[in-house]
Full PDB file with SEQRES, HELIX, SHEET, SSBOND, CRYST1, ORIGX, SCALE, CONECT and MASTER records, all heavy atoms in Angstrom:
SEQRES   1 A   31  GLY GLN ASN LEU LEU GLY GLY LEU SER CYS LEU LEU GLU          
SEQRES   2 A   31  ASP TRP GLU HIS ALA LEU GLY GLY LYS PRO PRO PRO GLY          
SEQRES   3 A   31  ALA GLU ALA PHE ARG                                          
HELIX    1 AA1 GLN A    2  LEU A   19  1                                  18    
HELIX    2 AA2 ALA A   27  ALA A   29  5                                   3    
CRYST1    1.000    1.000    1.000  90.00  90.00  90.00 P 1           1          
ORIGX1      1.000000  0.000000  0.000000        0.00000                         
ORIGX2      0.000000  1.000000  0.000000        0.00000                         
ORIGX3      0.000000  0.000000  1.000000        0.00000                         
SCALE1      1.000000  0.000000  0.000000        0.00000                         
SCALE2      0.000000  1.000000  0.000000        0.00000                         
SCALE3      0.000000  0.000000  1.000000        0.00000                         
ATOM      1  N   GLY A   1     110.967 129.809  97.400  1.00  0.00           N  
ATOM      2  CA  GLY A   1     111.983 129.561  98.422  1.00  0.00           C  
ATOM      3  C   GLY A   1     111.976 128.005  99.097  1.00  0.00           C  
ATOM      4  O   GLY A   1     112.825 127.744  99.987  1.00  0.00           O  
ATOM      5  N   GLN A   2     110.963 127.253  98.747  1.00  0.00           N  
ATOM      6  CA  GLN A   2     110.794 125.944  99.382  1.00  0.00           C  
ATOM      7  C   GLN A   2     112.102 125.069  99.020  1.00  0.00           C  
ATOM      8  O   GLN A   2     112.450 124.254  99.815  1.00  0.00           O  
ATOM      9  CB  GLN A   2     109.529 125.346  98.950  1.00  0.00           C  
ATOM     10  CG  GLN A   2     108.326 125.950  99.513  1.00  0.00           C  
ATOM     11  CD  GLN A   2     108.251 125.774 101.029  1.00  0.00           C  
ATOM     12  OE1 GLN A   2     108.547 124.683 101.664  1.00  0.00           O  
ATOM     13  NE2 GLN A   2     108.024 126.906 101.659  1.00  0.00           N  
ATOM     14  N   ASN A   3     112.647 125.300  97.882  1.00  0.00           N  
ATOM     15  CA  ASN A   3     113.833 124.655  97.495  1.00  0.00           C  
ATOM     16  C   ASN A   3     115.008 124.877  98.326  1.00  0.00           C  
ATOM     17  O   ASN A   3     115.817 123.875  98.677  1.00  0.00           O  
ATOM     18  CB  ASN A   3     114.154 124.817  96.009  1.00  0.00           C  
ATOM     19  CG  ASN A   3     114.541 126.360  95.848  1.00  0.00           C  
ATOM     20  OD1 ASN A   3     113.740 127.115  96.043  1.00  0.00           O  
ATOM     21  ND2 ASN A   3     115.658 126.591  95.201  1.00  0.00           N  
ATOM     22  N   LEU A   4     114.987 126.111  98.849  1.00  0.00           N  
ATOM     23  CA  LEU A   4     116.267 126.455  99.831  1.00  0.00           C  
ATOM     24  C   LEU A   4     116.044 125.815 101.130  1.00  0.00           C  
ATOM     25  O   LEU A   4     116.917 125.420 101.768  1.00  0.00           O  
ATOM     26  CB  LEU A   4     116.288 127.919 100.026  1.00  0.00           C  
ATOM     27  CG  LEU A   4     116.558 128.681  98.623  1.00  0.00           C  
ATOM     28  CD1 LEU A   4     116.722 130.186  98.758  1.00  0.00           C  
ATOM     29  CD2 LEU A   4     117.914 128.106  97.911  1.00  0.00           C  
ATOM     30  N   LEU A   5     114.682 125.633 101.599  1.00  0.00           N  
ATOM     31  CA  LEU A   5     114.511 124.951 102.824  1.00  0.00           C  
ATOM     32  C   LEU A   5     114.797 123.551 102.638  1.00  0.00           C  
ATOM     33  O   LEU A   5     115.435 122.934 103.603  1.00  0.00           O  
ATOM     34  CB  LEU A   5     113.092 125.268 103.246  1.00  0.00           C  
ATOM     35  CG  LEU A   5     112.658 126.590 103.809  1.00  0.00           C  
ATOM     36  CD1 LEU A   5     111.103 126.590 103.913  1.00  0.00           C  
ATOM     37  CD2 LEU A   5     113.456 127.063 104.936  1.00  0.00           C  
ATOM     38  N   GLY A   6     114.462 122.864 101.554  1.00  0.00           N  
ATOM     39  CA  GLY A   6     114.759 121.622 101.228  1.00  0.00           C  
ATOM     40  C   GLY A   6     116.194 121.341 101.231  1.00  0.00           C  
ATOM     41  O   GLY A   6     116.766 120.418 101.682  1.00  0.00           O  
ATOM     42  N   GLY A   7     116.995 122.367 100.547  1.00  0.00           N  
ATOM     43  CA  GLY A   7     118.493 122.219 100.585  1.00  0.00           C  
ATOM     44  C   GLY A   7     119.132 122.365 101.933  1.00  0.00           C  
ATOM     45  O   GLY A   7     120.062 121.498 102.221  1.00  0.00           O  
ATOM     46  N   LEU A   8     118.491 123.238 102.761  1.00  0.00           N  
ATOM     47  CA  LEU A   8     119.066 123.253 104.114  1.00  0.00           C  
ATOM     48  C   LEU A   8     118.832 121.897 104.898  1.00  0.00           C  
ATOM     49  O   LEU A   8     119.646 121.551 105.558  1.00  0.00           O  
ATOM     50  CB  LEU A   8     118.297 124.355 104.920  1.00  0.00           C  
ATOM     51  CG  LEU A   8     118.683 124.582 106.392  1.00  0.00           C  
ATOM     52  CD1 LEU A   8     120.285 124.931 106.563  1.00  0.00           C  
ATOM     53  CD2 LEU A   8     118.009 125.682 107.085  1.00  0.00           C  
ATOM     54  N   SER A   9     117.612 121.360 104.671  1.00  0.00           N  
ATOM     55  CA  SER A   9     117.328 120.064 105.200  1.00  0.00           C  
ATOM     56  C   SER A   9     118.400 118.990 104.742  1.00  0.00           C  
ATOM     57  O   SER A   9     118.856 118.195 105.542  1.00  0.00           O  
ATOM     58  CB  SER A   9     115.947 119.717 104.836  1.00  0.00           C  
ATOM     59  OG  SER A   9     115.713 118.377 105.384  1.00  0.00           O  
ATOM     60  N   CYS A  10     118.744 118.976 103.524  1.00  0.00           N  
ATOM     61  CA  CYS A  10     119.761 118.033 103.011  1.00  0.00           C  
ATOM     62  C   CYS A  10     121.014 118.351 103.641  1.00  0.00           C  
ATOM     63  O   CYS A  10     121.849 117.374 103.881  1.00  0.00           O  
ATOM     64  CB  CYS A  10     119.914 118.265 101.381  1.00  0.00           C  
ATOM     65  SG  CYS A  10     118.397 117.679 100.486  1.00  0.00           S  
ATOM     66  N   LEU A  11     121.522 119.565 103.709  1.00  0.00           N  
ATOM     67  CA  LEU A  11     122.731 119.995 104.388  1.00  0.00           C  
ATOM     68  C   LEU A  11     122.897 119.428 105.728  1.00  0.00           C  
ATOM     69  O   LEU A  11     123.860 118.825 106.118  1.00  0.00           O  
ATOM     70  CB  LEU A  11     122.900 121.466 104.237  1.00  0.00           C  
ATOM     71  CG  LEU A  11     124.281 122.065 104.814  1.00  0.00           C  
ATOM     72  CD1 LEU A  11     125.441 121.434 103.992  1.00  0.00           C  
ATOM     73  CD2 LEU A  11     124.258 123.518 104.874  1.00  0.00           C  
ATOM     74  N   LEU A  12     121.851 119.760 106.489  1.00  0.00           N  
ATOM     75  CA  LEU A  12     121.905 119.317 107.879  1.00  0.00           C  
ATOM     76  C   LEU A  12     121.879 117.752 107.991  1.00  0.00           C  
ATOM     77  O   LEU A  12     122.614 117.198 108.778  1.00  0.00           O  
ATOM     78  CB  LEU A  12     120.646 119.760 108.668  1.00  0.00           C  
ATOM     79  CG  LEU A  12     120.546 121.297 108.775  1.00  0.00           C  
ATOM     80  CD1 LEU A  12     119.312 121.774 109.444  1.00  0.00           C  
ATOM     81  CD2 LEU A  12     121.732 121.811 109.567  1.00  0.00           C  
ATOM     82  N   GLU A  13     121.215 117.019 107.160  1.00  0.00           N  
ATOM     83  CA  GLU A  13     121.212 115.581 107.032  1.00  0.00           C  
ATOM     84  C   GLU A  13     122.586 114.993 106.715  1.00  0.00           C  
ATOM     85  O   GLU A  13     123.004 114.079 107.364  1.00  0.00           O  
ATOM     86  CB  GLU A  13     120.074 115.114 106.223  1.00  0.00           C  
ATOM     87  CG  GLU A  13     119.945 113.655 106.274  1.00  0.00           C  
ATOM     88  CD  GLU A  13     118.813 113.037 105.277  1.00  0.00           C  
ATOM     89  OE1 GLU A  13     118.500 113.830 104.339  1.00  0.00           O  
ATOM     90  OE2 GLU A  13     118.368 112.036 105.578  1.00  0.00           O  
ATOM     91  N   ASP A  14     123.138 115.733 105.747  1.00  0.00           N  
ATOM     92  CA  ASP A  14     124.527 115.248 105.284  1.00  0.00           C  
ATOM     93  C   ASP A  14     125.536 115.471 106.467  1.00  0.00           C  
ATOM     94  O   ASP A  14     126.455 114.544 106.680  1.00  0.00           O  
ATOM     95  CB  ASP A  14     124.976 116.069 104.128  1.00  0.00           C  
ATOM     96  CG  ASP A  14     124.146 115.503 102.887  1.00  0.00           C  
ATOM     97  OD1 ASP A  14     123.563 114.388 102.921  1.00  0.00           O  
ATOM     98  OD2 ASP A  14     124.234 116.232 101.857  1.00  0.00           O  
ATOM     99  N   TRP A  15     125.437 116.636 107.085  1.00  0.00           N  
ATOM    100  CA  TRP A  15     126.215 116.870 108.217  1.00  0.00           C  
ATOM    101  C   TRP A  15     126.148 115.860 109.460  1.00  0.00           C  
ATOM    102  O   TRP A  15     127.046 115.401 109.918  1.00  0.00           O  
ATOM    103  CB  TRP A  15     126.017 118.279 108.772  1.00  0.00           C  
ATOM    104  CG  TRP A  15     126.849 119.352 107.978  1.00  0.00           C  
ATOM    105  CD1 TRP A  15     127.595 119.228 107.027  1.00  0.00           C  
ATOM    106  CD2 TRP A  15     126.691 120.808 108.278  1.00  0.00           C  
ATOM    107  NE1 TRP A  15     128.093 120.444 106.609  1.00  0.00           N  
ATOM    108  CE2 TRP A  15     127.522 121.480 107.308  1.00  0.00           C  
ATOM    109  CE3 TRP A  15     126.005 121.621 109.242  1.00  0.00           C  
ATOM    110  CZ2 TRP A  15     127.725 122.819 107.323  1.00  0.00           C  
ATOM    111  CZ3 TRP A  15     126.209 122.938 109.174  1.00  0.00           C  
ATOM    112  CH2 TRP A  15     127.059 123.621 108.218  1.00  0.00           C  
ATOM    113  N   GLU A  16     124.841 115.636 109.764  1.00  0.00           N  
ATOM    114  CA  GLU A  16     124.550 114.653 110.758  1.00  0.00           C  
ATOM    115  C   GLU A  16     125.240 113.242 110.403  1.00  0.00           C  
ATOM    116  O   GLU A  16     125.904 112.519 111.155  1.00  0.00           O  
ATOM    117  CB  GLU A  16     123.160 114.459 110.863  1.00  0.00           C  
ATOM    118  CG  GLU A  16     122.688 113.431 111.902  1.00  0.00           C  
ATOM    119  CD  GLU A  16     121.271 113.137 111.982  1.00  0.00           C  
ATOM    120  OE1 GLU A  16     120.612 113.693 111.168  1.00  0.00           O  
ATOM    121  OE2 GLU A  16     120.867 112.207 112.696  1.00  0.00           O  
ATOM    122  N   HIS A  17     125.150 112.765 109.225  1.00  0.00           N  
ATOM    123  CA  HIS A  17     125.634 111.417 108.751  1.00  0.00           C  
ATOM    124  C   HIS A  17     127.217 111.564 108.740  1.00  0.00           C  
ATOM    125  O   HIS A  17     127.899 110.516 109.012  1.00  0.00           O  
ATOM    126  CB  HIS A  17     125.212 111.202 107.291  1.00  0.00           C  
ATOM    127  CG  HIS A  17     123.825 110.529 107.368  1.00  0.00           C  
ATOM    128  ND1 HIS A  17     123.531 109.283 106.917  1.00  0.00           N  
ATOM    129  CD2 HIS A  17     122.567 111.173 107.617  1.00  0.00           C  
ATOM    130  CE1 HIS A  17     122.165 109.038 107.182  1.00  0.00           C  
ATOM    131  NE2 HIS A  17     121.613 110.194 107.510  1.00  0.00           N  
ATOM    132  N   ALA A  18     127.668 112.679 108.160  1.00  0.00           N  
ATOM    133  CA  ALA A  18     129.209 112.741 108.152  1.00  0.00           C  
ATOM    134  C   ALA A  18     129.810 112.832 109.591  1.00  0.00           C  
ATOM    135  O   ALA A  18     130.711 112.057 109.853  1.00  0.00           O  
ATOM    136  CB  ALA A  18     129.671 113.985 107.362  1.00  0.00           C  
ATOM    137  N   LEU A  19     129.300 113.665 110.534  1.00  0.00           N  
ATOM    138  CA  LEU A  19     129.892 113.674 111.953  1.00  0.00           C  
ATOM    139  C   LEU A  19     129.581 112.446 112.560  1.00  0.00           C  
ATOM    140  O   LEU A  19     130.397 112.100 113.507  1.00  0.00           O  
ATOM    141  CB  LEU A  19     129.150 114.963 112.624  1.00  0.00           C  
ATOM    142  CG  LEU A  19     129.540 116.210 112.014  1.00  0.00           C  
ATOM    143  CD1 LEU A  19     128.599 117.325 112.673  1.00  0.00           C  
ATOM    144  CD2 LEU A  19     130.940 116.594 112.194  1.00  0.00           C  
ATOM    145  N   GLY A  20     128.578 111.695 112.250  1.00  0.00           N  
ATOM    146  CA  GLY A  20     128.382 110.575 112.979  1.00  0.00           C  
ATOM    147  C   GLY A  20     129.010 109.250 112.270  1.00  0.00           C  
ATOM    148  O   GLY A  20     128.826 108.087 112.840  1.00  0.00           O  
ATOM    149  N   GLY A  21     129.842 109.518 111.359  1.00  0.00           N  
ATOM    150  CA  GLY A  21     130.594 108.368 110.638  1.00  0.00           C  
ATOM    151  C   GLY A  21     129.500 107.484 109.880  1.00  0.00           C  
ATOM    152  O   GLY A  21     129.785 106.379 109.665  1.00  0.00           O  
ATOM    153  N   LYS A  22     128.317 107.939 109.490  1.00  0.00           N  
ATOM    154  CA  LYS A  22     127.318 106.986 108.781  1.00  0.00           C  
ATOM    155  C   LYS A  22     127.467 107.213 107.361  1.00  0.00           C  
ATOM    156  O   LYS A  22     128.083 108.145 106.844  1.00  0.00           O  
ATOM    157  CB  LYS A  22     125.927 107.567 109.257  1.00  0.00           C  
ATOM    158  CG  LYS A  22     125.649 107.546 110.752  1.00  0.00           C  
ATOM    159  CD  LYS A  22     124.214 108.101 110.850  1.00  0.00           C  
ATOM    160  CE  LYS A  22     123.965 108.355 112.467  1.00  0.00           C  
ATOM    161  NZ  LYS A  22     122.629 108.974 112.595  1.00  0.00           N  
ATOM    162  N   PRO A  23     127.048 106.235 106.582  1.00  0.00           N  
ATOM    163  CA  PRO A  23     127.048 106.310 105.094  1.00  0.00           C  
ATOM    164  C   PRO A  23     126.120 107.358 104.652  1.00  0.00           C  
ATOM    165  O   PRO A  23     125.225 107.899 105.377  1.00  0.00           O  
ATOM    166  CB  PRO A  23     126.505 104.945 104.677  1.00  0.00           C  
ATOM    167  CG  PRO A  23     125.716 104.425 105.914  1.00  0.00           C  
ATOM    168  CD  PRO A  23     126.395 104.941 107.041  1.00  0.00           C  
ATOM    169  N   PRO A  24     126.184 107.899 103.351  1.00  0.00           N  
ATOM    170  CA  PRO A  24     125.264 108.962 102.965  1.00  0.00           C  
ATOM    171  C   PRO A  24     123.802 108.503 103.006  1.00  0.00           C  
ATOM    172  O   PRO A  24     123.550 107.301 103.000  1.00  0.00           O  
ATOM    173  CB  PRO A  24     125.686 109.179 101.591  1.00  0.00           C  
ATOM    174  CG  PRO A  24     126.576 108.055 101.260  1.00  0.00           C  
ATOM    175  CD  PRO A  24     127.108 107.485 102.397  1.00  0.00           C  
ATOM    176  N   PRO A  25     122.920 109.405 103.110  1.00  0.00           N  
ATOM    177  CA  PRO A  25     121.469 109.083 103.192  1.00  0.00           C  
ATOM    178  C   PRO A  25     121.135 108.311 101.953  1.00  0.00           C  
ATOM    179  O   PRO A  25     121.402 108.618 100.770  1.00  0.00           O  
ATOM    180  CB  PRO A  25     120.790 110.489 103.166  1.00  0.00           C  
ATOM    181  CG  PRO A  25     121.832 111.374 103.859  1.00  0.00           C  
ATOM    182  CD  PRO A  25     123.021 110.909 103.295  1.00  0.00           C  
ATOM    183  N   GLY A  26     120.242 107.244 102.103  1.00  0.00           N  
ATOM    184  CA  GLY A  26     119.860 106.380 101.034  1.00  0.00           C  
ATOM    185  C   GLY A  26     120.729 105.090 100.917  1.00  0.00           C  
ATOM    186  O   GLY A  26     120.228 104.313 100.276  1.00  0.00           O  
ATOM    187  N   ALA A  27     121.931 105.245 101.365  1.00  0.00           N  
ATOM    188  CA  ALA A  27     122.840 104.041 101.145  1.00  0.00           C  
ATOM    189  C   ALA A  27     122.304 102.817 101.962  1.00  0.00           C  
ATOM    190  O   ALA A  27     122.692 101.665 101.603  1.00  0.00           O  
ATOM    191  CB  ALA A  27     124.246 104.419 101.628  1.00  0.00           C  
ATOM    192  N   GLU A  28     121.556 103.075 102.939  1.00  0.00           N  
ATOM    193  CA  GLU A  28     120.938 101.990 103.813  1.00  0.00           C  
ATOM    194  C   GLU A  28     120.021 101.060 103.010  1.00  0.00           C  
ATOM    195  O   GLU A  28     119.736  99.919 103.455  1.00  0.00           O  
ATOM    196  CB  GLU A  28     120.341 102.417 104.994  1.00  0.00           C  
ATOM    197  CG  GLU A  28     119.029 103.117 104.718  1.00  0.00           C  
ATOM    198  CD  GLU A  28     119.322 104.701 104.402  1.00  0.00           C  
ATOM    199  OE1 GLU A  28     120.414 105.158 104.397  1.00  0.00           O  
ATOM    200  OE2 GLU A  28     118.309 105.501 104.189  1.00  0.00           O  
ATOM    201  N   ALA A  29     119.736 101.460 101.793  1.00  0.00           N  
ATOM    202  CA  ALA A  29     118.793 100.684 100.956  1.00  0.00           C  
ATOM    203  C   ALA A  29     119.554  99.783 100.081  1.00  0.00           C  
ATOM    204  O   ALA A  29     118.939  99.010  99.208  1.00  0.00           O  
ATOM    205  CB  ALA A  29     117.909 101.556 100.087  1.00  0.00           C  
ATOM    206  N   PHE A  30     120.886  99.637 100.280  1.00  0.00           N  
ATOM    207  CA  PHE A  30     121.660  98.757  99.449  1.00  0.00           C  
ATOM    208  C   PHE A  30     122.660  97.974 100.386  1.00  0.00           C  
ATOM    209  O   PHE A  30     123.890  98.299 100.354  1.00  0.00           O  
ATOM    210  CB  PHE A  30     122.598  99.612  98.373  1.00  0.00           C  
ATOM    211  CG  PHE A  30     121.591 100.380  97.403  1.00  0.00           C  
ATOM    212  CD1 PHE A  30     121.318 101.664  97.699  1.00  0.00           C  
ATOM    213  CD2 PHE A  30     121.044  99.723  96.277  1.00  0.00           C  
ATOM    214  CE1 PHE A  30     120.432 102.439  96.799  1.00  0.00           C  
ATOM    215  CE2 PHE A  30     120.291 100.388  95.373  1.00  0.00           C  
ATOM    216  CZ  PHE A  30     119.972 101.781  95.729  1.00  0.00           C  
ATOM    217  N   ARG A  31     122.121  97.096 101.147  1.00  0.00           N  
ATOM    218  CA  ARG A  31     122.886  96.300 102.064  1.00  0.00           C  
ATOM    219  C   ARG A  31     123.300  94.962 101.363  1.00  0.00           C  
ATOM    220  O   ARG A  31     122.601  94.350 100.783  1.00  0.00           O  
ATOM    221  CB  ARG A  31     121.980  96.050 103.217  1.00  0.00           C  
ATOM    222  CG  ARG A  31     121.444  97.145 104.063  1.00  0.00           C  
ATOM    223  CD  ARG A  31     120.326  96.884 104.822  1.00  0.00           C  
ATOM    224  NE  ARG A  31     119.211  96.242 104.233  1.00  0.00           N  
ATOM    225  CZ  ARG A  31     118.216  95.622 104.805  1.00  0.00           C  
ATOM    226  NH1 ARG A  31     118.247  95.389 106.148  1.00  0.00           N  
ATOM    227  NH2 ARG A  31     117.347  95.054 104.148  1.00  0.00           N  
TER     228      ARG A  31                                                      
MASTER        0    0    0    2    0    0    0    6  227    1    0    3          
END                                                                             
């Protein structure tokens, strides 16, 4: 079940970026 916890973490991170108008996670490495 660790994959589901990881998936939940990805989901929350994506929501945080979307609601804050931020680029998707990892995009900051391509400036």
